[in-house]
């Protein structure tokens, strides 16, 4: 998958952002926030790992244009 391509408009993040939060209780909202924070941490960790791999490849093969 090409990192430079835009994200599809119907991906999980877009669907999640469009969900109606009205029916959720405060406890459910708090649980959802905790789950989202954990997912953000996971994505950031993956991003950092990918950036490290990219830097290593750039150092070895030269920066792609």
Protein backbone atom coordinates (compact mmCIF):
# COMPACT_ATOMS: atom_id res chain seq x y z
CA UNK A 1 0.00 0.00 0.00
CA UNK A 2 1.34 3.42 -0.91
CA UNK A 3 1.74 5.72 2.12
CA UNK A 4 1.14 8.79 -0.04
CA UNK A 5 -2.37 7.82 -1.14
CA UNK A 6 -5.33 9.42 0.67
CA UNK A 7 -7.25 7.33 3.18
CA UNK A 8 -10.45 5.78 1.81
CA UNK A 9 -13.52 7.77 2.85
CA UNK A 10 -15.28 4.67 4.21
CA UNK A 11 -12.48 3.36 6.42
CA UNK A 12 -12.92 2.44 10.09
CA UNK A 13 -11.89 5.88 11.37
CA UNK A 14 -14.46 7.62 9.18
CA UNK A 15 -17.21 5.21 10.25
CA UNK A 16 -16.24 5.63 13.89
CA UNK A 17 -16.32 9.41 13.63
CA UNK A 18 -19.82 9.25 12.16
CA UNK A 19 -21.35 7.10 14.90
CA UNK A 20 -24.15 8.56 17.01
CA UNK A 21 -22.92 8.91 20.58
CA UNK A 22 -26.32 9.96 21.92
CA UNK A 23 -27.47 6.54 23.11
CA UNK A 24 -24.29 5.85 25.10
CA UNK A 25 -24.17 6.25 28.88
CA UNK A 26 -21.41 8.16 30.63
CA UNK A 27 -19.80 4.85 31.62
CA UNK A 28 -19.95 3.63 28.02
CA UNK A 29 -18.45 6.91 26.82
CA UNK A 30 -15.63 6.62 29.38
CA UNK A 31 -14.95 3.05 28.24
CA UNK A 32 -14.96 4.17 24.63
CA UNK A 33 -12.48 6.96 25.42
CA UNK A 34 -10.16 4.45 27.13
CA UNK A 35 -10.35 2.13 24.13
CA UNK A 36 -9.67 4.99 21.72
CA UNK A 37 -6.68 6.15 23.77
CA UNK A 38 -5.27 2.61 23.68
CA UNK A 39 -5.81 2.49 19.92
CA UNK A 40 -4.11 5.86 19.48
CA UNK A 41 -1.10 4.57 21.43
CA UNK A 42 -1.00 1.44 19.25
CA UNK A 43 -1.16 3.48 16.05
CA UNK A 44 1.53 5.88 17.27
CA UNK A 45 3.79 2.95 18.11
CA UNK A 46 3.26 1.49 14.64
CA UNK A 47 3.89 4.88 13.02
CA UNK A 48 7.13 5.29 14.94
CA UNK A 49 8.26 1.79 13.99
CA UNK A 50 7.43 2.46 10.32
CA UNK A 51 9.32 5.77 10.44
CA UNK A 52 12.34 3.99 11.89
CA UNK A 53 12.25 1.39 9.12
CA UNK A 54 11.86 4.14 6.54
CA UNK A 55 14.85 6.05 7.91
CA UNK A 56 16.94 2.88 7.83
CA UNK A 57 15.93 2.19 4.22
CA UNK A 58 16.65 5.80 3.23
CA UNK A 59 20.08 5.57 4.85
CA UNK A 60 20.83 2.35 3.03
CA UNK A 61 19.33 3.03 -0.40
CA UNK A 62 19.04 6.81 -0.49
CA UNK A 63 15.95 8.93 -0.08
CA UNK A 64 13.16 8.23 -2.55
CA UNK A 65 11.81 11.15 -4.57
